[in-house]
Amino acid sequence: MDIQVEELKDKIDGKEDFILIDVREAYERAEFNVGGTHIPLGAVPSNLDDLEDFKDKEIVIYCRSGNRSGQAKMYMEQLGFKNVRNLLGGMLEWNRKFGV
């Protein structure tokens, strides 16, 4: 199940235990990010070994608009990750709701 920006903000503010991954390019991340591990979409396949221990843990993926993170989510689910969530609307929606 995907996640809305309000729920993600609550998770971050509440310091909940989950994995947060930003799949944007470095220049996008430098402009604004909400934290998490930076793994650009093209590098996701080569970084999955590092995430193997988290196959059953909640993972939230975000990008600019939700498209690339949606691709990353589908890819990870195909490889057995059980609880991957895409941030709907991405950072565009985050900025619209909460500002930078």
Protein backbone atom coordinates (compact mmCIF):
# COMPACT_ATOMS: atom_id res chain seq x y z
CA MET A 1 0.00 0.00 0.00
CA ASP A 2 1.34 3.41 -0.97
CA ILE A 3 1.69 6.33 1.41
CA GLN A 4 0.45 9.94 1.44
CA VAL A 5 2.75 12.83 2.41
CA GLU A 6 0.85 13.49 5.65
CA GLU A 7 1.41 9.91 6.85
CA LEU A 8 5.10 10.05 5.95
CA LYS A 9 5.52 13.35 7.80
CA ASP A 10 3.87 11.79 10.87
CA LYS A 11 6.24 8.79 10.64
CA ILE A 12 9.30 11.04 10.37
CA ASP A 13 8.13 13.38 13.16
CA GLY A 14 7.29 10.38 15.36
CA LYS A 15 10.72 8.84 14.67
CA GLU A 16 9.06 5.57 13.61
CA ASP A 17 11.25 2.65 12.63
CA PHE A 18 11.23 2.30 8.84
CA ILE A 19 13.63 2.57 5.91
CA LEU A 20 13.40 5.76 3.81
CA ILE A 21 14.96 5.84 0.34
CA ASP A 22 15.29 8.81 -2.04
CA VAL A 23 15.62 7.59 -5.65
CA ARG A 24 16.11 11.03 -7.22
CA GLU A 25 19.33 12.26 -8.79
CA ALA A 26 21.93 13.99 -6.59
CA TYR A 27 21.12 17.48 -7.90
CA GLU A 28 17.43 16.99 -7.01
CA ARG A 29 18.30 15.76 -3.55
CA ALA A 30 20.61 18.73 -3.00
CA GLU A 31 17.71 21.13 -3.64
CA PHE A 32 15.49 19.56 -0.97
CA ASN A 33 15.01 16.22 0.74
CA VAL A 34 13.31 14.75 3.77
CA GLY A 35 16.20 12.48 4.68
CA GLY A 36 16.73 8.81 4.15
CA THR A 37 19.25 6.89 2.11
CA HIS A 38 20.08 8.25 -1.33
CA ILE A 39 19.98 5.55 -4.01
CA PRO A 40 19.26 7.00 -7.47
CA LEU A 41 16.79 4.87 -9.43
CA GLY A 42 19.46 3.62 -11.84
CA ALA A 43 21.54 2.39 -8.90
CA VAL A 44 18.74 0.51 -7.11
CA PRO A 45 19.54 -2.90 -8.68
CA SER A 46 23.20 -2.71 -7.66
CA ASN A 47 22.31 -1.66 -4.10
CA LEU A 48 19.73 -4.32 -3.29
CA ASP A 49 22.30 -6.51 -1.53
CA ASP A 50 22.66 -3.74 1.05
CA LEU A 51 18.89 -3.80 1.61
CA GLU A 52 18.52 -7.60 1.73
CA ASP A 53 18.25 -7.59 5.54
CA PHE A 54 15.21 -5.32 5.30
CA LYS A 55 13.03 -7.48 3.02
CA ASP A 56 10.32 -7.75 5.67
CA LYS A 57 10.68 -4.22 7.05
CA GLU A 58 8.62 -1.22 5.96
CA ILE A 59 10.42 0.69 3.21
CA VAL A 60 9.17 4.06 1.94
CA ILE A 61 10.56 5.26 -1.38
CA TYR A 62 10.26 8.80 -2.71
CA CYS A 63 11.22 10.84 -5.77
CA ARG A 64 10.10 14.11 -7.37
CA SER A 65 6.57 13.11 -8.38
CA GLY A 66 6.10 9.46 -7.42
CA ASN A 67 6.86 7.93 -10.83
CA ARG A 68 10.46 6.77 -10.32
CA SER A 69 9.75 5.66 -6.77
CA GLY A 70 6.80 3.68 -8.14
CA GLN A 71 9.16 1.92 -10.55
CA ALA A 72 11.60 1.18 -7.73
CA LYS A 73 8.75 -0.20 -5.61
CA MET A 74 7.59 -2.58 -8.35
CA TYR A 75 11.15 -3.76 -8.97
CA MET A 76 11.78 -4.42 -5.27
CA GLU A 77 8.47 -6.24 -4.86
CA GLN A 78 9.37 -8.53 -7.76
CA LEU A 79 12.53 -9.44 -5.83
CA GLY A 80 10.64 -10.38 -2.67
CA PHE A 81 10.50 -7.17 -0.65
CA LYS A 82 7.25 -7.42 1.30
CA ASN A 83 6.38 -3.94 2.57
CA VAL A 84 7.52 -1.31 0.04
CA ARG A 85 5.52 1.91 -0.11
CA ASN A 86 5.66 4.66 -2.74
CA LEU A 87 5.21 8.28 -1.63
CA LEU A 88 2.27 9.45 -3.75
CA GLY A 89 3.01 12.80 -5.37
CA GLY A 90 6.62 12.73 -4.19
CA MET A 91 8.45 15.88 -3.18
CA LEU A 92 6.16 17.99 -5.37
CA GLU A 93 3.23 17.01 -3.16
CA TRP A 94 5.33 17.39 0.02
CA ASN A 95 6.29 20.95 -0.98
CA ARG A 96 2.70 21.76 -1.92
CA LYS A 97 1.45 20.62 1.51
CA PHE A 98 4.29 21.66 3.79
CA GLY A 99 6.60 23.98 1.85
CA VAL A 100 10.35 23.53 1.66
